[in-house]
Amino acid sequence: MQSMLTQRNSGVDLARTLAIFGVVLVHTTGIGFGRFGVQLFFLISGYLLADFQKYESASSFLFRRAARLFPLYVLVLFYFSFTKSISIDFFNVFLFANIYWNFPQVPGGWSISSEWLFSLFLVVLGWQTRLKIWFWIVLSIVAQVISGLYVYSLGGADSVENSSSYVFLTWLNTTNPLINISFFMIRIAVKREFVPLLTSKLQLIALSLICVCVDLAIGHAMVIWNLGIYSIFLLCLTSEIGDYSKRIVSFIGKRTYGIFFSHFILLEPVSNLVSNHFETISFVRNICFFILVFAISVFCGWITWGIVESPCLKVSKILHAKLRIN
């Protein structure tokens, strides 16, 4: 346990780095495992937000979360309102759009909407007792199984020809808050010591590999990845990270929000650029596509952190002090 505590910050940054790596990977190469990077982000959020009641009031917590999530998101929303005709309405502006599958959102917006909904849910939930946490974990897992079987019975979301049906099935089986709340709550349960904490790297690696094998055998099943992502996160927390690696994961981990949105903006122009040079060699094209998008996104994340996120967080602290939110 002591080694985990001393590695906590670097471990969380390592998990964030793996998560954003996976998200960019799936959108550039189509490698399916990367899509669960978002669920890893949910798990990280649950871990970091679990005990906010010990340190601040509900209003202070929501003020701080809003300062973190909204400024960059609103700028991205305005950008996509011009380039993709995403409507600037109440549900999009206030990050409620993911409560319903038919609200058009900015690319990746469903995950940020869920982050905000989870934050509100934590306040409504109040102090997280063992019973409350396990109720929501079990409810979410049951929903994952039922929705997964339903979508499987239809041949999968990719098999439907109607675009609106694809959006509905994807939301039903992958992106809606109820399906994802187990990832958020599992880490709260671990933080509150409501579940046994595995510390054996061999056990964690074995559990991760088993989840991968089962997932490959039956297709991408969200319920399997509750265990898989749990194992990956614990591996990150308990890993010994060298000084040079710490600097890398710290740099990326702090800027994952900007990297996340930047890579969506870069996908189309970089894809066109790469395709012009690698028209027939798909493997090489995908590698170049991923490297370019990830590298430029990290640079853009560095820019957005410096001119948007960090200043907004500093201003929010000043406002918070003046308003004396307790």
Protein backbone atom coordinates (compact mmCIF):
# COMPACT_ATOMS: atom_id res chain seq x y z
CA MET A 1 0.00 0.00 0.00
CA GLN A 2 2.80 2.42 0.83
CA SER A 3 4.39 1.97 -2.60
CA MET A 4 1.02 2.69 -4.16
CA LEU A 5 0.67 5.92 -2.25
CA THR A 6 4.14 7.14 -3.19
CA GLN A 7 3.49 6.31 -6.86
CA ARG A 8 -0.07 7.65 -6.90
CA ASN A 9 0.43 10.81 -8.95
CA SER A 10 2.75 9.22 -11.49
CA GLY A 11 0.51 6.17 -11.64
CA VAL A 12 -2.54 8.28 -12.40
CA ASP A 13 -0.61 10.18 -15.08
CA LEU A 14 0.53 6.87 -16.55
CA ALA A 15 -3.09 5.68 -16.66
CA ARG A 16 -4.14 8.95 -18.32
CA THR A 17 -1.37 8.57 -20.87
CA LEU A 18 -2.46 5.01 -21.71
CA ALA A 19 -6.07 6.16 -21.93
CA ILE A 20 -5.42 8.97 -24.41
CA PHE A 21 -3.03 6.71 -26.33
CA GLY A 22 -5.86 4.19 -26.72
CA VAL A 23 -8.42 6.80 -27.75
CA VAL A 24 -6.18 8.21 -30.51
CA LEU A 25 -5.20 4.68 -31.55
CA VAL A 26 -8.77 3.53 -32.18
CA HIS A 27 -9.66 6.65 -34.14
CA THR A 28 -6.59 6.46 -36.37
CA THR A 29 -6.07 2.72 -36.84
CA GLY A 30 -9.39 1.16 -35.87
CA ILE A 31 -7.72 -1.10 -33.27
CA GLY A 32 -10.72 -1.90 -31.11
CA PHE A 33 -9.09 -2.09 -27.69
CA GLY A 34 -8.34 1.61 -27.83
CA ARG A 35 -12.00 2.50 -27.54
CA PHE A 36 -11.93 1.60 -23.86
CA GLY A 37 -9.55 4.45 -23.13
CA VAL A 38 -12.59 6.58 -22.33
CA GLN A 39 -13.76 4.05 -19.74
CA LEU A 40 -10.29 4.21 -18.21
CA PHE A 41 -10.74 7.98 -17.93
CA PHE A 42 -14.04 7.39 -16.11
CA LEU A 43 -12.29 5.04 -13.73
CA ILE A 44 -9.56 7.61 -13.07
CA SER A 45 -12.18 10.29 -12.36
CA GLY A 46 -13.93 8.05 -9.87
CA TYR A 47 -10.65 7.45 -8.09
CA LEU A 48 -9.76 11.14 -7.88
CA LEU A 49 -13.22 12.43 -6.95
CA ALA A 50 -14.23 9.68 -4.52
CA ASP A 51 -13.70 11.56 -1.26
CA PHE A 52 -14.38 15.15 -2.21
CA GLN A 53 -16.78 15.49 0.77
CA LYS A 54 -13.80 15.23 3.12
CA TYR A 55 -12.25 18.39 1.75
CA GLU A 56 -14.94 20.65 0.27
CA SER A 57 -18.64 21.36 0.02
CA ALA A 58 -20.84 20.18 -2.86
CA SER A 59 -21.00 23.71 -4.32
CA SER A 60 -17.23 24.07 -4.15
CA PHE A 61 -16.77 20.69 -5.80
CA LEU A 62 -19.11 21.51 -8.68
CA PHE A 63 -17.52 24.95 -9.12
CA ARG A 64 -14.12 23.32 -9.43
CA ARG A 65 -15.35 20.60 -11.82
CA ALA A 66 -17.11 23.16 -14.02
CA ALA A 67 -13.92 25.23 -14.23
CA ARG A 68 -12.08 22.13 -15.40
CA LEU A 69 -14.59 20.81 -17.94
CA PHE A 70 -16.44 23.74 -19.48
CA PRO A 71 -13.96 26.36 -20.80
CA LEU A 72 -12.17 24.21 -23.39
CA TYR A 73 -15.32 22.26 -24.18
CA VAL A 74 -17.28 25.42 -25.00
CA LEU A 75 -14.55 26.59 -27.37
CA VAL A 76 -14.59 23.19 -29.09
CA LEU A 77 -18.39 23.32 -29.28
CA PHE A 78 -18.23 26.69 -31.05
CA TYR A 79 -15.61 25.31 -33.45
CA PHE A 80 -17.74 22.31 -34.40
CA SER A 81 -20.87 24.44 -34.62
CA PHE A 82 -19.24 26.10 -37.64
CA THR A 83 -17.48 23.08 -39.15
CA LYS A 84 -19.97 20.28 -38.39
CA SER A 85 -23.16 22.28 -37.76
CA ILE A 86 -23.46 21.04 -34.17
CA SER A 87 -26.23 23.03 -32.53
CA ILE A 88 -25.41 25.34 -29.64
CA ASP A 89 -28.43 24.49 -27.49
CA PHE A 90 -29.09 24.03 -23.78
CA PHE A 91 -28.19 20.32 -23.69
CA ASN A 92 -24.91 20.79 -25.54
CA VAL A 93 -23.80 23.94 -23.76
CA PHE A 94 -24.50 22.54 -20.29
CA LEU A 95 -23.18 19.03 -21.02
CA PHE A 96 -26.48 17.18 -20.66
CA ALA A 97 -26.60 15.89 -24.24
CA ASN A 98 -25.57 12.33 -23.43
CA ILE A 99 -28.77 11.64 -21.48
CA TYR A 100 -30.45 10.97 -24.86
CA TRP A 101 -29.03 9.28 -27.94
CA ASN A 102 -30.52 11.64 -30.50
CA PHE A 103 -28.79 14.84 -29.39
CA PRO A 104 -25.99 15.63 -31.90
CA GLN A 105 -22.79 16.24 -29.97
CA VAL A 106 -19.25 17.34 -30.71
CA PRO A 107 -16.90 14.42 -31.41
CA GLY A 108 -16.10 12.83 -28.07
CA GLY A 109 -18.64 15.05 -26.36
CA TRP A 110 -20.54 12.09 -24.96
CA SER A 111 -17.65 11.28 -22.63
CA ILE A 112 -17.32 14.85 -21.32
CA SER A 113 -21.09 14.98 -20.85
CA SER A 114 -20.86 11.77 -18.83
CA GLU A 115 -18.02 13.21 -16.74
CA TRP A 116 -20.21 16.17 -15.79
CA LEU A 117 -23.27 13.98 -15.19
CA PHE A 118 -21.17 11.73 -12.95
CA SER A 119 -20.00 14.78 -11.00
CA LEU A 120 -23.60 15.90 -10.48
CA PHE A 121 -24.53 12.36 -9.53
CA LEU A 122 -21.84 12.29 -6.85
CA VAL A 123 -23.37 15.37 -5.25
CA VAL A 124 -26.89 13.95 -5.42
CA LEU A 125 -25.68 10.58 -4.14
CA GLY A 126 -24.15 12.21 -1.08
CA TRP A 127 -21.74 10.29 1.08
CA GLN A 128 -20.93 7.06 -0.75
CA THR A 129 -21.86 4.13 1.45
CA ARG A 130 -20.96 0.58 0.54
CA LEU A 131 -24.60 -0.22 -0.27
CA LYS A 132 -25.05 2.79 -2.57
CA ILE A 133 -21.86 2.14 -4.49
CA TRP A 134 -22.51 -1.56 -5.00
CA PHE A 135 -26.11 -0.91 -6.02
CA TRP A 136 -24.97 1.30 -8.90
CA ILE A 137 -22.13 -1.03 -9.89
CA VAL A 138 -24.48 -4.04 -10.05
CA LEU A 139 -27.20 -2.05 -11.83
CA SER A 140 -24.71 -0.86 -14.44
CA ILE A 141 -23.29 -4.35 -15.00
CA VAL A 142 -26.78 -5.81 -15.40
CA ALA A 143 -27.53 -3.05 -17.93
CA GLN A 144 -24.29 -3.85 -19.76
CA VAL A 145 -25.24 -7.52 -20.06
CA ILE A 146 -28.82 -6.86 -21.17
CA SER A 147 -27.91 -4.18 -23.70
CA GLY A 148 -24.99 -6.24 -24.99
CA LEU A 149 -27.18 -9.29 -25.56
CA TYR A 150 -29.83 -7.16 -27.25
CA VAL A 151 -27.39 -5.51 -29.64
CA TYR A 152 -25.74 -8.90 -30.28
CA SER A 153 -29.14 -10.40 -31.15
CA LEU A 154 -29.50 -7.73 -33.83
CA GLY A 155 -26.11 -8.57 -35.31
CA GLY A 156 -24.26 -5.67 -33.74
CA ALA A 157 -24.50 -1.92 -34.19
CA ASP A 158 -22.27 -2.04 -37.28
CA SER A 159 -24.71 -4.35 -39.08
CA VAL A 160 -27.61 -1.89 -39.22
CA GLU A 161 -27.94 0.24 -42.34
CA ASN A 162 -29.99 3.03 -40.80
CA SER A 163 -27.72 5.71 -39.33
CA SER A 164 -30.20 6.64 -36.61
CA SER A 165 -30.41 2.98 -35.56
CA TYR A 166 -26.62 2.82 -35.40
CA VAL A 167 -26.54 5.92 -33.17
CA PHE A 168 -29.18 4.44 -30.88
CA LEU A 169 -27.52 1.02 -30.58
CA THR A 170 -24.10 2.58 -29.96
CA TRP A 171 -25.53 4.79 -27.23
CA LEU A 172 -27.49 1.89 -25.76
CA ASN A 173 -24.53 -0.47 -25.59
CA THR A 174 -21.48 1.78 -25.24
CA THR A 175 -21.85 5.46 -24.45
CA ASN A 176 -24.85 6.12 -22.19
CA PRO A 177 -24.18 7.07 -18.55
CA LEU A 178 -25.84 4.01 -16.97
CA ILE A 179 -23.63 1.67 -19.00
CA ASN A 180 -20.51 3.54 -17.93
CA ILE A 181 -21.23 4.42 -14.32
CA SER A 182 -19.78 1.10 -13.11
CA PHE A 183 -16.30 2.23 -14.22
CA PHE A 184 -16.73 5.43 -12.25
CA MET A 185 -18.08 3.67 -9.16
CA ILE A 186 -15.59 0.77 -9.09
CA ARG A 187 -12.73 3.16 -8.44
CA ILE A 188 -14.73 4.93 -5.75
CA ALA A 189 -15.26 1.51 -4.13
CA VAL A 190 -11.54 0.79 -4.29
CA LYS A 191 -10.64 4.22 -2.93
CA ARG A 192 -13.05 3.73 -0.04
CA GLU A 193 -11.66 0.20 0.48
CA PHE A 194 -15.04 -1.41 -0.19
CA VAL A 195 -13.44 -4.05 -2.43
CA PRO A 196 -10.29 -6.14 -1.95
CA LEU A 197 -7.24 -4.42 -3.42
CA LEU A 198 -5.09 -6.59 -5.66
CA THR A 199 -1.43 -5.64 -5.43
CA SER A 200 0.21 -8.66 -7.10
CA LYS A 201 1.40 -7.59 -10.54
CA LEU A 202 1.27 -11.21 -11.70
CA GLN A 203 -2.39 -11.48 -10.71
CA LEU A 204 -3.22 -8.16 -12.35
CA ILE A 205 -1.43 -9.06 -15.58
CA ALA A 206 -3.14 -12.47 -15.65
CA LEU A 207 -6.54 -10.88 -15.09
CA SER A 208 -5.91 -8.35 -17.86
CA LEU A 209 -4.86 -11.09 -20.31
CA ILE A 210 -7.90 -13.19 -19.45
CA CYS A 211 -10.17 -10.23 -20.15
CA VAL A 212 -8.43 -9.61 -23.49
CA CYS A 213 -8.81 -13.27 -24.50
CA VAL A 214 -12.48 -13.37 -23.53
CA ASP A 215 -13.08 -10.10 -25.33
CA LEU A 216 -11.43 -11.43 -28.49
CA ALA A 217 -13.48 -14.60 -28.29
CA ILE A 218 -16.92 -13.03 -27.86
CA GLY A 219 -16.44 -9.52 -29.24
CA HIS A 220 -16.13 -6.23 -27.41
CA ALA A 221 -18.16 -6.74 -24.24
CA MET A 222 -18.33 -3.81 -21.85
CA VAL A 223 -18.99 -6.06 -18.87
CA ILE A 224 -15.64 -7.86 -19.33
CA TRP A 225 -13.76 -4.57 -19.29
CA ASN A 226 -14.89 -3.69 -15.80
CA LEU A 227 -12.27 -6.19 -14.63
CA GLY A 228 -9.79 -5.49 -17.42
CA ILE A 229 -9.61 -1.74 -16.94
CA TYR A 230 -9.63 -2.16 -13.16
CA SER A 231 -6.53 -4.36 -13.54
CA ILE A 232 -4.80 -1.96 -15.91
CA PHE A 233 -5.37 0.97 -13.58
CA LEU A 234 -4.02 -0.90 -10.56
CA LEU A 235 -0.98 -1.91 -12.63
CA CYS A 236 -0.39 1.77 -13.37
CA LEU A 237 -0.73 2.74 -9.71
CA THR A 238 1.65 0.05 -8.50
CA SER A 239 4.25 0.41 -11.26
CA GLU A 240 7.69 1.82 -10.54
CA ILE A 241 8.28 4.68 -12.95
CA GLY A 242 11.72 6.13 -13.68
CA ASP A 243 12.39 9.85 -13.49
CA TYR A 244 12.48 10.33 -17.27
CA SER A 245 9.27 8.37 -17.75
CA LYS A 246 7.65 10.37 -14.94
CA ARG A 247 8.37 13.59 -16.80
CA ILE A 248 6.83 12.20 -19.99
CA VAL A 249 3.65 10.83 -18.42
CA SER A 250 3.30 13.93 -16.26
CA PHE A 251 3.50 16.18 -19.32
CA ILE A 252 0.97 14.11 -21.28
CA GLY A 253 -1.25 13.28 -18.30
CA LYS A 254 -1.75 16.94 -17.39
CA ARG A 255 -2.75 17.78 -20.96
CA THR A 256 -4.97 14.84 -21.94
CA TYR A 257 -8.09 17.03 -22.12
CA GLY A 258 -6.56 19.23 -24.80
CA ILE A 259 -5.04 16.22 -26.59
CA PHE A 260 -8.44 14.52 -26.55
CA PHE A 261 -10.27 17.32 -28.35
CA SER A 262 -7.33 18.26 -30.60
CA HIS A 263 -7.07 14.80 -32.12
CA PHE A 264 -10.71 14.95 -33.27
CA ILE A 265 -10.02 18.20 -35.08
CA LEU A 266 -6.88 16.75 -36.68
CA LEU A 267 -8.31 13.43 -37.89
CA GLU A 268 -9.67 14.62 -41.23
CA PRO A 269 -6.83 16.90 -42.42
CA VAL A 270 -4.07 14.50 -41.32
CA SER A 271 -5.91 11.56 -42.89
CA ASN A 272 -6.02 13.41 -46.21
CA LEU A 273 -2.34 14.28 -45.91
CA VAL A 274 -1.26 10.73 -45.13
CA SER A 275 -3.52 9.13 -47.75
CA ASN A 276 -1.90 11.23 -50.47
CA HIS A 277 1.49 9.65 -49.67
CA PHE A 278 0.43 6.09 -48.76
CA GLU A 279 -2.46 5.21 -51.03
CA THR A 280 -1.93 1.45 -51.09
CA ILE A 281 0.11 0.50 -48.00
CA SER A 282 -2.60 0.57 -45.35
CA PHE A 283 -0.36 -0.69 -42.51
CA VAL A 284 2.25 2.02 -43.05
CA ARG A 285 -0.47 4.60 -43.57
CA ASN A 286 -2.14 3.73 -40.27
CA ILE A 287 1.14 3.92 -38.35
CA CYS A 288 1.99 7.30 -39.87
CA PHE A 289 -1.56 8.50 -39.30
CA PHE A 290 -1.42 7.59 -35.61
CA ILE A 291 2.05 9.04 -35.01
CA LEU A 292 1.24 12.33 -36.70
CA VAL A 293 -2.13 12.79 -35.03
CA PHE A 294 -0.80 11.89 -31.59
CA ALA A 295 2.31 14.07 -31.88
CA ILE A 296 0.44 17.12 -33.16
CA SER A 297 -2.32 16.59 -30.60
CA VAL A 298 0.23 16.59 -27.76
CA PHE A 299 1.58 19.89 -29.09
CA CYS A 300 -1.95 21.30 -29.33
CA GLY A 301 -2.67 20.02 -25.82
CA TRP A 302 0.37 21.91 -24.60
CA ILE A 303 -1.01 25.07 -26.27
CA THR A 304 -4.55 24.69 -24.90
CA TRP A 305 -3.21 23.99 -21.40
CA GLY A 306 -1.15 27.17 -21.50
CA ILE A 307 -3.73 29.55 -22.96
CA VAL A 308 -7.09 28.05 -21.92
CA GLU A 309 -7.10 25.39 -19.20
CA SER A 310 -4.41 26.58 -16.81
CA PRO A 311 -5.51 30.27 -16.86
CA CYS A 312 -9.16 29.29 -16.37
CA LEU A 313 -8.25 27.11 -13.40
CA LYS A 314 -6.26 29.96 -11.86
CA VAL A 315 -9.11 32.41 -12.40
CA SER A 316 -11.57 29.93 -10.92
CA LYS A 317 -9.46 29.65 -7.76
CA ILE A 318 -9.43 33.44 -7.40
CA LEU A 319 -13.20 33.64 -7.95
CA HIS A 320 -13.75 30.75 -5.61
CA ALA A 321 -11.82 32.53 -2.86
CA LYS A 322 -13.73 35.77 -3.40
CA LEU A 323 -17.11 34.09 -3.46
CA ARG A 324 -16.12 32.08 -0.38
CA ILE A 325 -17.88 28.96 -1.46
CA ASN A 326 -17.69 26.56 1.47
